[in-house]
Every structure is written in C-alpha cells, then in structure tokens.
N, C-alpha and C. Protein backbone atom coordinates (compact mmCIF):
# COMPACT_ATOMS: atom_id res chain seq x y z
N MET A 1 13.61 -33.34 -32.00
CA MET A 1 12.84 -32.61 -30.65
C MET A 1 11.34 -33.73 -30.33
N THR A 2 10.93 -33.55 -29.26
CA THR A 2 9.46 -34.04 -29.19
C THR A 2 8.79 -33.59 -27.96
N GLU A 3 7.45 -33.34 -28.20
CA GLU A 3 6.53 -32.76 -27.50
C GLU A 3 5.55 -33.92 -27.01
N SER A 4 5.70 -34.86 -27.12
CA SER A 4 4.98 -35.85 -26.62
C SER A 4 5.08 -36.40 -25.26
N SER A 5 4.29 -37.44 -24.44
CA SER A 5 4.41 -37.89 -23.13
C SER A 5 5.04 -39.32 -23.26
N GLU A 6 5.25 -39.49 -24.55
CA GLU A 6 6.01 -40.82 -24.77
C GLU A 6 7.25 -41.10 -24.61
N ILE A 7 7.58 -42.15 -24.08
CA ILE A 7 9.25 -42.43 -23.93
C ILE A 7 9.77 -42.50 -25.05
N LYS A 8 11.00 -41.76 -25.73
CA LYS A 8 11.53 -41.65 -27.05
C LYS A 8 12.87 -41.55 -27.07
N LYS A 9 13.49 -42.13 -27.72
CA LYS A 9 14.87 -42.18 -27.98
C LYS A 9 15.46 -41.48 -29.03
N ILE A 10 16.09 -40.20 -28.71
CA ILE A 10 16.59 -39.30 -29.48
C ILE A 10 17.80 -39.33 -30.23
N ARG A 11 18.24 -39.34 -31.39
CA ARG A 11 19.47 -40.08 -31.96
C ARG A 11 20.10 -38.30 -32.25
N LYS A 12 21.66 -38.46 -32.25
CA LYS A 12 21.91 -37.21 -32.62
C LYS A 12 21.51 -36.54 -33.92
N GLN A 13 21.38 -37.38 -35.00
CA GLN A 13 21.25 -36.80 -36.12
C GLN A 13 19.79 -36.25 -35.88
N GLU A 14 18.78 -36.60 -35.24
CA GLU A 14 17.71 -35.87 -35.14
C GLU A 14 17.62 -34.28 -34.50
N ALA A 15 18.74 -34.40 -33.58
CA ALA A 15 18.87 -33.12 -32.93
C ALA A 15 18.82 -31.79 -33.95
N ARG A 16 18.58 -30.78 -33.64
CA ARG A 16 18.61 -29.61 -34.56
C ARG A 16 19.77 -28.70 -34.15
N ASP A 17 20.68 -28.68 -35.39
CA ASP A 17 22.14 -28.51 -35.42
C ASP A 17 22.16 -26.68 -35.50
N PHE A 18 23.05 -26.24 -34.50
CA PHE A 18 23.13 -24.54 -35.05
C PHE A 18 24.26 -24.12 -34.30
N MET A 19 24.75 -23.20 -34.62
CA MET A 19 25.86 -22.51 -34.22
C MET A 19 25.33 -21.19 -33.53
N GLU A 20 26.27 -21.21 -32.61
CA GLU A 20 26.51 -19.66 -31.49
C GLU A 20 27.71 -19.01 -31.43
N GLY A 21 27.99 -18.31 -32.40
CA GLY A 21 29.57 -17.59 -32.45
C GLY A 21 30.18 -19.08 -33.02
N GLU A 22 31.40 -19.46 -32.21
CA GLU A 22 32.38 -20.53 -32.62
C GLU A 22 31.47 -21.76 -31.78
N GLU A 23 30.53 -21.89 -31.39
CA GLU A 23 29.95 -23.03 -30.63
C GLU A 23 28.83 -23.80 -31.10
N HIS A 24 29.33 -24.95 -31.26
CA HIS A 24 28.50 -25.95 -32.25
C HIS A 24 27.32 -26.56 -31.26
N CYS A 25 26.20 -26.25 -31.47
CA CYS A 25 24.98 -26.78 -30.47
C CYS A 25 24.31 -27.71 -31.05
N ARG A 26 23.45 -28.45 -30.23
CA ARG A 26 22.60 -29.39 -30.68
C ARG A 26 21.21 -29.46 -29.91
N LEU A 27 20.02 -29.26 -29.95
CA LEU A 27 18.98 -29.06 -29.38
C LEU A 27 18.20 -30.46 -29.52
N TYR A 28 18.09 -30.99 -28.37
CA TYR A 28 17.62 -32.37 -28.79
C TYR A 28 16.11 -32.79 -28.45
N PHE A 29 16.02 -31.53 -27.30
CA PHE A 29 14.44 -32.20 -26.89
C PHE A 29 14.00 -30.28 -26.65
N LYS A 30 12.27 -30.40 -26.71
CA LYS A 30 12.21 -29.16 -25.96
C LYS A 30 10.37 -29.50 -26.09
N ASN A 31 10.34 -28.91 -24.98
CA ASN A 31 8.52 -28.75 -24.58
C ASN A 31 8.44 -27.83 -23.96
N GLY A 32 7.43 -27.56 -23.34
CA GLY A 32 6.76 -26.25 -22.58
C GLY A 32 7.26 -26.10 -21.31
N GLN A 33 7.93 -26.98 -20.80
CA GLN A 33 8.40 -27.16 -19.11
C GLN A 33 9.84 -27.40 -19.54
N HIS A 34 10.42 -27.51 -20.64
CA HIS A 34 12.06 -27.99 -20.34
C HIS A 34 12.82 -28.20 -21.65
N LEU A 35 14.03 -27.85 -21.72
CA LEU A 35 14.65 -28.32 -22.98
C LEU A 35 16.15 -28.59 -22.67
N PHE A 36 17.02 -29.27 -23.68
CA PHE A 36 18.07 -29.90 -23.49
C PHE A 36 18.79 -29.79 -24.58
N GLY A 37 20.00 -29.65 -24.76
CA GLY A 37 20.92 -29.82 -25.68
C GLY A 37 22.73 -30.03 -25.11
N THR A 38 23.38 -29.84 -26.37
CA THR A 38 24.63 -30.16 -26.09
C THR A 38 25.32 -28.87 -26.91
N SER A 39 26.48 -28.52 -26.38
CA SER A 39 27.43 -27.49 -27.09
C SER A 39 29.05 -28.43 -27.38
N SER A 40 29.48 -27.99 -27.99
CA SER A 40 30.96 -28.64 -28.29
C SER A 40 31.61 -27.12 -28.81
N LEU A 41 32.67 -27.04 -28.17
CA LEU A 41 33.52 -25.86 -28.50
C LEU A 41 35.16 -26.53 -28.80
N MET A 42 35.75 -26.43 -29.81
CA MET A 42 37.20 -26.55 -30.11
C MET A 42 38.28 -25.72 -29.01
N PRO A 43 39.46 -26.04 -29.07
CA PRO A 43 40.23 -25.18 -27.94
C PRO A 43 40.18 -23.96 -28.55
N GLY A 44 40.42 -22.88 -27.76
CA GLY A 44 40.38 -21.51 -28.10
C GLY A 44 39.16 -20.79 -28.51
N LYS A 45 38.33 -21.65 -28.89
CA LYS A 45 36.94 -20.77 -29.40
C LYS A 45 36.07 -20.59 -28.47
N LYS A 46 35.16 -20.02 -28.57
CA LYS A 46 33.97 -19.13 -27.79
C LYS A 46 32.28 -18.99 -28.57
N GLY A 47 31.87 -18.95 -27.65
CA GLY A 47 30.31 -19.07 -28.23
C GLY A 47 29.91 -17.61 -28.10
N ALA A 48 28.43 -17.55 -28.57
CA ALA A 48 28.05 -15.93 -28.91
C ALA A 48 27.54 -15.74 -27.26
N VAL A 49 27.37 -14.33 -26.90
CA VAL A 49 27.06 -13.86 -25.76
C VAL A 49 25.28 -14.59 -25.52
N ASP A 50 25.02 -14.94 -25.20
CA ASP A 50 23.60 -15.45 -25.05
C ASP A 50 22.98 -14.09 -23.94
N PRO A 51 22.13 -13.65 -24.34
CA PRO A 51 21.38 -12.65 -23.14
C PRO A 51 20.90 -12.84 -22.16
N GLY A 52 20.92 -14.28 -21.86
CA GLY A 52 19.95 -15.06 -20.53
C GLY A 52 18.43 -15.11 -21.15
N HIS A 53 17.78 -15.72 -20.35
CA HIS A 53 16.25 -16.45 -20.43
C HIS A 53 15.64 -15.44 -19.40
N LYS A 54 14.07 -15.32 -19.93
CA LYS A 54 13.43 -14.26 -19.44
C LYS A 54 13.03 -15.12 -17.75
N HIS A 55 12.60 -16.20 -17.88
CA HIS A 55 12.30 -17.21 -16.68
C HIS A 55 13.22 -18.19 -15.92
N GLY A 56 13.89 -18.82 -17.26
CA GLY A 56 14.50 -20.02 -17.09
C GLY A 56 15.82 -20.18 -16.04
N HIS A 57 16.03 -20.82 -15.11
CA HIS A 57 17.70 -21.14 -14.82
C HIS A 57 18.23 -22.34 -15.99
N GLU A 58 19.36 -21.77 -16.62
CA GLU A 58 19.70 -22.68 -17.39
C GLU A 58 21.13 -23.26 -16.53
N VAL A 59 21.26 -24.38 -16.72
CA VAL A 59 22.40 -25.47 -16.22
C VAL A 59 23.23 -25.82 -17.43
N PHE A 60 24.47 -25.78 -16.91
CA PHE A 60 25.86 -26.25 -17.94
C PHE A 60 26.39 -27.31 -16.92
N TYR A 61 26.67 -28.47 -17.77
CA TYR A 61 27.35 -29.75 -17.15
C TYR A 61 28.76 -29.80 -18.05
N VAL A 62 29.59 -29.86 -17.47
CA VAL A 62 30.88 -29.98 -18.36
C VAL A 62 31.28 -31.71 -18.62
N ALA A 63 30.80 -32.39 -19.98
CA ALA A 63 30.99 -33.45 -19.85
C ALA A 63 32.53 -34.05 -20.13
N SER A 64 33.10 -33.30 -20.67
CA SER A 64 34.48 -33.60 -21.30
C SER A 64 35.12 -31.75 -21.45
N GLY A 65 36.56 -32.16 -20.93
CA GLY A 65 37.31 -30.61 -21.42
C GLY A 65 37.07 -29.64 -20.21
N THR A 66 37.57 -28.79 -20.39
CA THR A 66 37.17 -27.40 -19.50
C THR A 66 36.58 -26.24 -20.32
N VAL A 67 35.57 -25.62 -19.74
CA VAL A 67 35.46 -24.36 -20.24
C VAL A 67 35.39 -22.96 -19.25
N ILE A 68 35.12 -22.27 -19.54
CA ILE A 68 35.04 -20.63 -18.79
C ILE A 68 33.68 -20.20 -19.19
N CYS A 69 32.74 -20.13 -18.11
CA CYS A 69 31.71 -19.22 -18.34
C CYS A 69 31.67 -17.72 -18.16
N ARG A 70 31.47 -16.68 -19.12
CA ARG A 70 31.81 -15.67 -18.36
C ARG A 70 30.58 -14.83 -18.58
N PHE A 71 30.49 -14.10 -17.51
CA PHE A 71 29.44 -13.03 -17.33
C PHE A 71 29.42 -11.62 -17.63
N PRO A 72 29.20 -11.43 -18.60
CA PRO A 72 29.80 -9.89 -18.82
C PRO A 72 28.89 -8.77 -18.00
N ARG A 73 27.90 -8.94 -18.07
CA ARG A 73 27.24 -7.85 -17.01
C ARG A 73 27.98 -7.91 -15.59
N LYS A 74 28.23 -8.69 -14.94
CA LYS A 74 28.84 -8.77 -13.85
C LYS A 74 30.13 -8.69 -13.82
N GLY A 75 30.88 -8.77 -14.79
CA GLY A 75 32.37 -8.40 -14.95
C GLY A 75 33.02 -9.68 -14.59
N THR A 76 32.49 -11.13 -14.23
CA THR A 76 32.97 -12.33 -13.73
C THR A 76 33.12 -13.46 -14.61
N SER A 77 33.67 -14.56 -14.30
CA SER A 77 33.78 -15.44 -14.63
C SER A 77 34.14 -16.25 -14.00
N VAL A 78 33.62 -17.87 -14.63
CA VAL A 78 33.91 -19.39 -13.63
C VAL A 78 34.55 -20.30 -14.52
N GLU A 79 35.61 -20.86 -14.08
CA GLU A 79 36.25 -21.92 -14.69
C GLU A 79 35.39 -23.21 -14.40
N LEU A 80 34.94 -24.23 -15.51
CA LEU A 80 34.76 -25.38 -14.84
C LEU A 80 35.55 -26.46 -15.58
N ALA A 81 35.69 -27.09 -14.99
CA ALA A 81 36.41 -28.56 -15.48
C ALA A 81 35.25 -30.11 -15.59
N GLU A 82 35.84 -31.11 -15.94
CA GLU A 82 34.91 -32.17 -16.46
C GLU A 82 33.96 -32.63 -15.15
N GLY A 83 32.73 -32.39 -15.11
CA GLY A 83 31.82 -33.13 -14.08
C GLY A 83 31.85 -31.54 -12.98
N ASP A 84 31.90 -30.40 -13.58
CA ASP A 84 31.60 -29.23 -12.89
C ASP A 84 30.36 -28.93 -13.36
N VAL A 85 29.44 -28.50 -12.91
CA VAL A 85 28.17 -27.32 -13.04
C VAL A 85 28.06 -25.89 -12.73
N VAL A 86 27.46 -25.42 -13.53
CA VAL A 86 27.23 -24.12 -13.31
C VAL A 86 25.52 -23.65 -13.61
N VAL A 87 25.24 -22.86 -12.59
CA VAL A 87 23.64 -22.48 -12.76
C VAL A 87 23.83 -21.03 -12.81
N VAL A 88 22.83 -20.88 -14.24
CA VAL A 88 22.68 -19.54 -14.54
C VAL A 88 21.16 -19.14 -14.55
N PRO A 89 21.32 -17.83 -13.30
CA PRO A 89 19.84 -17.18 -12.85
C PRO A 89 19.36 -16.34 -14.28
N PRO A 90 17.98 -16.67 -14.35
CA PRO A 90 17.21 -15.88 -15.64
C PRO A 90 17.91 -14.67 -15.96
N ARG A 91 17.61 -14.15 -17.03
CA ARG A 91 17.96 -12.85 -16.99
C ARG A 91 19.68 -12.54 -16.95
N GLU A 92 20.60 -13.41 -16.96
CA GLU A 92 21.82 -13.10 -16.83
C GLU A 92 22.59 -13.75 -18.15
N PRO A 93 23.04 -12.64 -18.73
CA PRO A 93 24.02 -12.86 -20.17
C PRO A 93 24.92 -13.77 -19.50
N HIS A 94 25.63 -14.67 -20.41
CA HIS A 94 26.42 -15.57 -20.72
C HIS A 94 27.27 -15.90 -21.57
N GLU A 95 28.15 -16.45 -21.85
CA GLU A 95 29.52 -16.79 -22.79
C GLU A 95 29.90 -18.39 -22.55
N LEU A 96 30.38 -18.88 -22.93
CA LEU A 96 30.96 -20.17 -23.15
C LEU A 96 32.43 -20.14 -23.64
N MET A 97 33.38 -20.35 -23.42
CA MET A 97 34.84 -20.25 -24.04
C MET A 97 35.63 -21.60 -23.40
N ASN A 98 36.50 -22.02 -24.56
CA ASN A 98 37.24 -23.05 -24.26
C ASN A 98 38.91 -22.73 -24.43
N PRO A 99 39.22 -22.76 -22.67
CA PRO A 99 40.73 -22.14 -22.97
C PRO A 99 41.76 -23.40 -22.70
N GLY A 100 40.92 -24.98 -22.85
CA GLY A 100 42.17 -25.69 -22.84
C GLY A 100 42.67 -26.10 -23.98
N SER A 101 43.24 -27.23 -24.30
CA SER A 101 43.91 -27.88 -25.46
C SER A 101 42.82 -29.50 -26.23
N SER A 102 41.54 -29.48 -25.87
CA SER A 102 40.99 -30.50 -26.08
C SER A 102 39.61 -29.83 -26.57
N LYS A 103 38.67 -30.62 -27.17
CA LYS A 103 37.41 -29.94 -27.33
C LYS A 103 36.63 -30.44 -26.04
N ALA A 104 35.74 -29.31 -25.87
CA ALA A 104 35.05 -29.38 -24.45
C ALA A 104 33.69 -29.64 -25.01
N ILE A 105 33.02 -30.50 -24.14
CA ILE A 105 31.31 -30.93 -24.49
C ILE A 105 30.66 -30.40 -23.25
N VAL A 106 29.86 -29.57 -23.47
CA VAL A 106 28.71 -28.85 -22.60
C VAL A 106 27.55 -29.38 -22.72
N CYS A 107 26.69 -30.29 -21.85
CA CYS A 107 25.18 -30.43 -21.69
C CYS A 107 24.47 -29.10 -21.06
N TRP A 108 23.55 -28.80 -21.41
CA TRP A 108 22.84 -27.60 -21.03
C TRP A 108 21.31 -28.06 -21.07
N SER A 109 20.68 -27.55 -19.88
CA SER A 109 19.29 -27.63 -19.77
C SER A 109 18.80 -26.30 -19.25
N LEU A 110 17.20 -26.06 -19.83
CA LEU A 110 16.81 -24.55 -19.26
C LEU A 110 15.40 -25.09 -18.87
N ALA A 111 15.02 -24.73 -17.75
CA ALA A 111 13.45 -24.70 -17.34
C ALA A 111 12.94 -23.76 -16.46
N PRO A 112 11.66 -23.21 -16.74
CA PRO A 112 11.37 -23.38 -17.81
C PRO A 112 12.28 -22.69 -19.45
N PRO A 113 11.71 -23.15 -20.58
CA PRO A 113 12.42 -22.73 -21.72
C PRO A 113 11.61 -21.15 -21.93
N ASP A 114 12.04 -20.28 -22.57
CA ASP A 114 11.46 -19.10 -22.69
C ASP A 114 12.07 -18.66 -24.14
C-alpha cells in the first residue's frame, strides 16, 4: 500500500491479504481519497456481508468468472459476468457469491475510503 504521490508499482506480494468469509481479498492501495483491491472466490463460495461504507461508492468489476452481488437489506441481487460492473451506494450492505464452475476474480474500488 502507498500514500505517496509518486508513481509506484505494487506487486501482488506487497498487497495486504485477508479473508472476508470465503472470499480471498488483496488490498493493493489506500490513501485518503481512494482504495483499490481484488477478491477471488472459488466456485460455490461466498464472502461475508459487508455492512456498506459511510461515504464511499464501491465499484466491483468482474475480471473473470461470474458473481452474484446480493443486497440483503433490499432483498435483491444482480448477476455479473466477466466485464460487468456494479456500483454500490454508501451504506448499502452487500455480499459476493460465485455461482459458477470456475474461480471468479473481482476488482474493487472505493472512493472516498471510510
């Protein structure tokens, strides 16, 4: 992770690894304005319910595979295929699930981070 204004390459090994349920997350970058990371989900697995973020809009981009983004408070979900994006508004709880037969990779961004 970096807070500087310099251009910096961030290698996978430098990212902060953590789990949210069965979702493997990597946080690559975070500063006062933005954060960026990735998640991977194996077939049939799901992440923990994220309670939502105070001020930030979170964007999910599906780099490979298929995911369902579930919104428990609304009782709705959206299915996303490779190349699809969903924008989650502030304070909206959400959860990712992989209904497919292959590993799903999702890139995510939050601005502002909170």
